[in-house]
Amino acid sequence: MVGEVMMDLVQPGIMSRIVDDGVLGLGNGGAGDLHLILVLGLQMIALVLFGGLCGSLNNVFVHLSGQNIGKSSVSERPMTSSSRPSSVSW
């Protein structure tokens, strides 16, 4: 989750560099820099993919831990395969 949030927080800074330096050319005398736009755009795509991977892994770990918690609480109560009600009171 931290990786996903960090990628979301880094992107506005990269976008501002694209606009300020790449489009408006504030850092180099008013001339835009297409190479900078392409490089930063590719970096943003890589960061989006990494953030998506972090978010997906977060979901995997959450579901695995939820399943393990469920297994430990179910293993304390025996399950019966009969259709009649069990004598265990909840």
N, C-alpha and C. Protein backbone atom coordinates (compact mmCIF):
# COMPACT_ATOMS: atom_id res chain seq x y z
N MET A 1 0.82 -1.19 0.00
CA MET A 1 0.00 0.00 0.00
C MET A 1 0.87 1.26 0.00
N VAL A 2 1.97 1.18 0.72
CA VAL A 2 2.87 2.33 0.77
C VAL A 2 3.45 2.63 -0.60
N GLY A 3 3.82 1.57 -1.34
CA GLY A 3 4.37 1.76 -2.68
C GLY A 3 3.36 2.41 -3.62
N GLU A 4 2.11 1.97 -3.52
CA GLU A 4 1.06 2.54 -4.38
C GLU A 4 0.83 4.02 -4.07
N VAL A 5 0.80 4.35 -2.79
CA VAL A 5 0.58 5.74 -2.39
C VAL A 5 1.77 6.61 -2.78
N MET A 6 2.97 6.08 -2.62
CA MET A 6 4.16 6.86 -2.98
C MET A 6 4.18 7.16 -4.49
N MET A 7 3.79 6.19 -5.29
CA MET A 7 3.75 6.43 -6.73
C MET A 7 2.71 7.49 -7.09
N ASP A 8 1.60 7.49 -6.36
CA ASP A 8 0.57 8.51 -6.60
C ASP A 8 1.06 9.90 -6.18
N LEU A 9 1.90 9.96 -5.17
CA LEU A 9 2.39 11.25 -4.69
C LEU A 9 3.54 11.80 -5.54
N VAL A 10 4.28 10.94 -6.22
CA VAL A 10 5.41 11.36 -7.04
C VAL A 10 4.93 11.93 -8.38
N GLN A 11 3.83 11.43 -8.90
CA GLN A 11 3.38 11.81 -10.24
C GLN A 11 3.10 13.30 -10.43
N PRO A 12 2.49 14.01 -9.50
CA PRO A 12 2.27 15.45 -9.74
C PRO A 12 3.57 16.24 -9.92
N GLY A 13 4.62 15.84 -9.23
CA GLY A 13 5.91 16.51 -9.40
C GLY A 13 6.49 16.29 -10.79
N ILE A 14 6.34 15.06 -11.30
CA ILE A 14 6.82 14.77 -12.64
C ILE A 14 5.98 15.53 -13.67
N MET A 15 4.68 15.58 -13.45
CA MET A 15 3.80 16.31 -14.36
C MET A 15 4.15 17.79 -14.40
N SER A 16 4.48 18.37 -13.25
CA SER A 16 4.85 19.78 -13.24
C SER A 16 6.16 20.03 -13.98
N ARG A 17 7.10 19.07 -13.90
CA ARG A 17 8.34 19.21 -14.68
C ARG A 17 8.06 19.11 -16.17
N ILE A 18 7.13 18.23 -16.55
CA ILE A 18 6.78 18.12 -17.98
C ILE A 18 6.22 19.45 -18.49
N VAL A 19 5.32 20.04 -17.72
CA VAL A 19 4.70 21.29 -18.16
C VAL A 19 5.70 22.45 -18.10
N ASP A 20 6.38 22.60 -16.96
CA ASP A 20 7.27 23.74 -16.78
C ASP A 20 8.49 23.69 -17.70
N ASP A 21 9.20 22.57 -17.70
CA ASP A 21 10.45 22.49 -18.46
C ASP A 21 10.25 21.96 -19.88
N GLY A 22 9.36 20.99 -20.03
CA GLY A 22 9.19 20.38 -21.34
C GLY A 22 8.34 21.18 -22.30
N VAL A 23 7.21 21.69 -21.80
CA VAL A 23 6.28 22.42 -22.68
C VAL A 23 6.60 23.91 -22.70
N LEU A 24 6.64 24.53 -21.53
CA LEU A 24 6.86 25.97 -21.47
C LEU A 24 8.33 26.36 -21.60
N GLY A 25 9.23 25.45 -21.24
CA GLY A 25 10.66 25.73 -21.35
C GLY A 25 11.16 26.75 -20.34
N LEU A 26 10.62 26.72 -19.14
CA LEU A 26 11.02 27.70 -18.13
C LEU A 26 12.47 27.51 -17.68
N GLY A 27 12.98 26.31 -17.78
CA GLY A 27 14.35 26.06 -17.33
C GLY A 27 15.40 26.30 -18.39
N ASN A 28 15.01 26.47 -19.64
CA ASN A 28 16.03 26.63 -20.70
C ASN A 28 15.67 27.77 -21.66
N GLY A 29 15.25 28.89 -21.15
CA GLY A 29 15.05 30.08 -21.96
C GLY A 29 13.81 30.11 -22.83
N GLY A 30 12.80 29.39 -22.48
CA GLY A 30 11.54 29.46 -23.21
C GLY A 30 11.38 28.47 -24.34
N ALA A 31 12.36 27.60 -24.54
CA ALA A 31 12.26 26.59 -25.61
C ALA A 31 11.82 25.27 -25.00
N GLY A 32 10.77 24.66 -25.56
CA GLY A 32 10.30 23.37 -25.07
C GLY A 32 11.29 22.26 -25.38
N ASP A 33 11.22 21.19 -24.64
CA ASP A 33 12.15 20.07 -24.80
C ASP A 33 11.36 18.79 -24.97
N LEU A 34 11.23 18.31 -26.19
CA LEU A 34 10.46 17.11 -26.49
C LEU A 34 11.10 15.87 -25.89
N HIS A 35 12.42 15.83 -25.88
CA HIS A 35 13.12 14.68 -25.31
C HIS A 35 12.79 14.54 -23.82
N LEU A 36 12.77 15.65 -23.10
CA LEU A 36 12.43 15.63 -21.67
C LEU A 36 11.00 15.14 -21.47
N ILE A 37 10.09 15.58 -22.33
CA ILE A 37 8.70 15.14 -22.23
C ILE A 37 8.60 13.64 -22.41
N LEU A 38 9.30 13.10 -23.40
CA LEU A 38 9.27 11.66 -23.65
C LEU A 38 9.88 10.86 -22.50
N VAL A 39 11.02 11.32 -22.00
CA VAL A 39 11.69 10.61 -20.91
C VAL A 39 10.82 10.61 -19.65
N LEU A 40 10.29 11.77 -19.29
CA LEU A 40 9.47 11.84 -18.09
C LEU A 40 8.14 11.11 -18.28
N GLY A 41 7.62 11.11 -19.49
CA GLY A 41 6.40 10.36 -19.76
C GLY A 41 6.61 8.87 -19.60
N LEU A 42 7.75 8.37 -20.08
CA LEU A 42 8.06 6.95 -19.89
C LEU A 42 8.29 6.62 -18.43
N GLN A 43 8.91 7.54 -17.69
CA GLN A 43 9.08 7.32 -16.25
C GLN A 43 7.73 7.25 -15.55
N MET A 44 6.81 8.10 -15.96
CA MET A 44 5.48 8.08 -15.35
C MET A 44 4.77 6.77 -15.65
N ILE A 45 4.90 6.27 -16.87
CA ILE A 45 4.27 4.99 -17.21
C ILE A 45 4.87 3.87 -16.36
N ALA A 46 6.19 3.88 -16.18
CA ALA A 46 6.83 2.86 -15.34
C ALA A 46 6.36 2.97 -13.89
N LEU A 47 6.21 4.19 -13.40
CA LEU A 47 5.75 4.38 -12.02
C LEU A 47 4.30 3.93 -11.86
N VAL A 48 3.48 4.16 -12.87
CA VAL A 48 2.09 3.70 -12.81
C VAL A 48 2.03 2.18 -12.76
N LEU A 49 2.85 1.53 -13.59
CA LEU A 49 2.88 0.07 -13.58
C LEU A 49 3.38 -0.46 -12.24
N PHE A 50 4.41 0.17 -11.68
CA PHE A 50 4.92 -0.26 -10.37
C PHE A 50 3.88 -0.02 -9.28
N GLY A 51 3.19 1.12 -9.32
CA GLY A 51 2.13 1.39 -8.34
C GLY A 51 0.99 0.40 -8.45
N GLY A 52 0.63 0.02 -9.69
CA GLY A 52 -0.41 -0.99 -9.88
C GLY A 52 0.02 -2.34 -9.35
N LEU A 53 1.30 -2.69 -9.55
CA LEU A 53 1.82 -3.95 -9.01
C LEU A 53 1.77 -3.93 -7.49
N CYS A 54 2.17 -2.82 -6.89
CA CYS A 54 2.12 -2.71 -5.42
C CYS A 54 0.68 -2.83 -4.91
N GLY A 55 -0.27 -2.20 -5.60
CA GLY A 55 -1.66 -2.29 -5.20
C GLY A 55 -2.20 -3.70 -5.32
N SER A 56 -1.82 -4.40 -6.40
CA SER A 56 -2.26 -5.78 -6.58
C SER A 56 -1.66 -6.70 -5.52
N LEU A 57 -0.38 -6.52 -5.24
CA LEU A 57 0.25 -7.33 -4.19
C LEU A 57 -0.37 -7.05 -2.82
N ASN A 58 -0.76 -5.81 -2.58
CA ASN A 58 -1.45 -5.47 -1.34
C ASN A 58 -2.73 -6.28 -1.23
N ASN A 59 -3.50 -6.36 -2.31
CA ASN A 59 -4.74 -7.13 -2.28
C ASN A 59 -4.48 -8.60 -2.04
N VAL A 60 -3.42 -9.13 -2.66
CA VAL A 60 -3.08 -10.55 -2.46
C VAL A 60 -2.77 -10.81 -0.99
N PHE A 61 -1.94 -9.96 -0.39
CA PHE A 61 -1.56 -10.18 1.00
C PHE A 61 -2.74 -10.01 1.95
N VAL A 62 -3.62 -9.09 1.65
CA VAL A 62 -4.81 -8.90 2.49
C VAL A 62 -5.70 -10.14 2.44
N HIS A 63 -5.90 -10.67 1.24
CA HIS A 63 -6.76 -11.84 1.13
C HIS A 63 -6.12 -13.08 1.75
N LEU A 64 -4.81 -13.23 1.60
CA LEU A 64 -4.13 -14.37 2.23
C LEU A 64 -4.22 -14.29 3.74
N SER A 65 -4.00 -13.11 4.29
CA SER A 65 -4.07 -13.00 5.75
C SER A 65 -5.50 -13.19 6.23
N GLY A 66 -6.47 -12.71 5.47
CA GLY A 66 -7.87 -12.93 5.85
C GLY A 66 -8.24 -14.40 5.82
N GLN A 67 -7.73 -15.13 4.82
CA GLN A 67 -8.00 -16.56 4.75
C GLN A 67 -7.34 -17.30 5.91
N ASN A 68 -6.12 -16.90 6.27
CA ASN A 68 -5.44 -17.56 7.38
C ASN A 68 -6.13 -17.28 8.71
N ILE A 69 -6.64 -16.08 8.88
CA ILE A 69 -7.37 -15.77 10.11
C ILE A 69 -8.65 -16.59 10.15
N GLY A 70 -9.32 -16.72 9.01
CA GLY A 70 -10.53 -17.52 8.95
C GLY A 70 -10.26 -18.99 9.22
N LYS A 71 -9.15 -19.52 8.74
CA LYS A 71 -8.80 -20.91 8.99
C LYS A 71 -8.54 -21.16 10.46
N SER A 72 -7.85 -20.23 11.11
CA SER A 72 -7.53 -20.45 12.53
C SER A 72 -8.78 -20.39 13.39
N SER A 73 -9.74 -19.56 13.04
CA SER A 73 -10.95 -19.49 13.86
C SER A 73 -11.89 -20.65 13.57
N VAL A 74 -11.87 -21.19 12.35
CA VAL A 74 -12.72 -22.33 12.01
C VAL A 74 -12.14 -23.61 12.57
N SER A 75 -10.83 -23.72 12.64
CA SER A 75 -10.23 -24.96 13.12
C SER A 75 -10.49 -25.18 14.60
N GLU A 76 -10.88 -24.15 15.32
CA GLU A 76 -11.21 -24.33 16.73
C GLU A 76 -12.57 -24.99 16.91
N ARG A 77 -13.45 -24.89 15.91
CA ARG A 77 -14.79 -25.48 15.98
C ARG A 77 -14.88 -26.59 14.95
N PRO A 78 -15.12 -27.81 15.37
CA PRO A 78 -15.20 -28.89 14.38
C PRO A 78 -16.46 -28.75 13.52
N MET A 79 -16.31 -29.02 12.25
CA MET A 79 -17.43 -28.97 11.32
C MET A 79 -17.95 -30.40 11.13
N THR A 80 -19.26 -30.56 11.05
CA THR A 80 -19.84 -31.88 10.80
C THR A 80 -20.44 -31.90 9.41
N SER A 81 -20.48 -33.07 8.81
CA SER A 81 -21.03 -33.19 7.47
C SER A 81 -22.49 -33.63 7.48
N SER A 82 -23.05 -33.85 8.66
CA SER A 82 -24.44 -34.29 8.72
C SER A 82 -25.38 -33.09 8.56
N SER A 83 -26.63 -33.37 8.17
CA SER A 83 -27.58 -32.30 7.97
C SER A 83 -28.33 -31.94 9.24
N ARG A 84 -28.19 -32.74 10.27
CA ARG A 84 -28.88 -32.41 11.53
C ARG A 84 -28.09 -31.35 12.29
N PRO A 85 -28.77 -30.56 13.06
CA PRO A 85 -28.08 -29.50 13.80
C PRO A 85 -27.09 -30.09 14.81
N SER A 86 -25.99 -29.45 14.95
CA SER A 86 -25.01 -29.91 15.92
C SER A 86 -25.36 -29.39 17.31
N SER A 87 -24.74 -29.97 18.29
CA SER A 87 -25.03 -29.57 19.66
C SER A 87 -24.16 -28.40 20.11
N VAL A 88 -23.36 -27.90 19.23
CA VAL A 88 -22.47 -26.78 19.57
C VAL A 88 -23.31 -25.51 19.54
N SER A 89 -23.24 -24.75 20.62
CA SER A 89 -23.96 -23.48 20.66
C SER A 89 -22.98 -22.36 20.34
N TRP A 90 -23.43 -21.43 19.56
CA TRP A 90 -22.58 -20.31 19.15
C TRP A 90 -22.81 -19.21 20.09
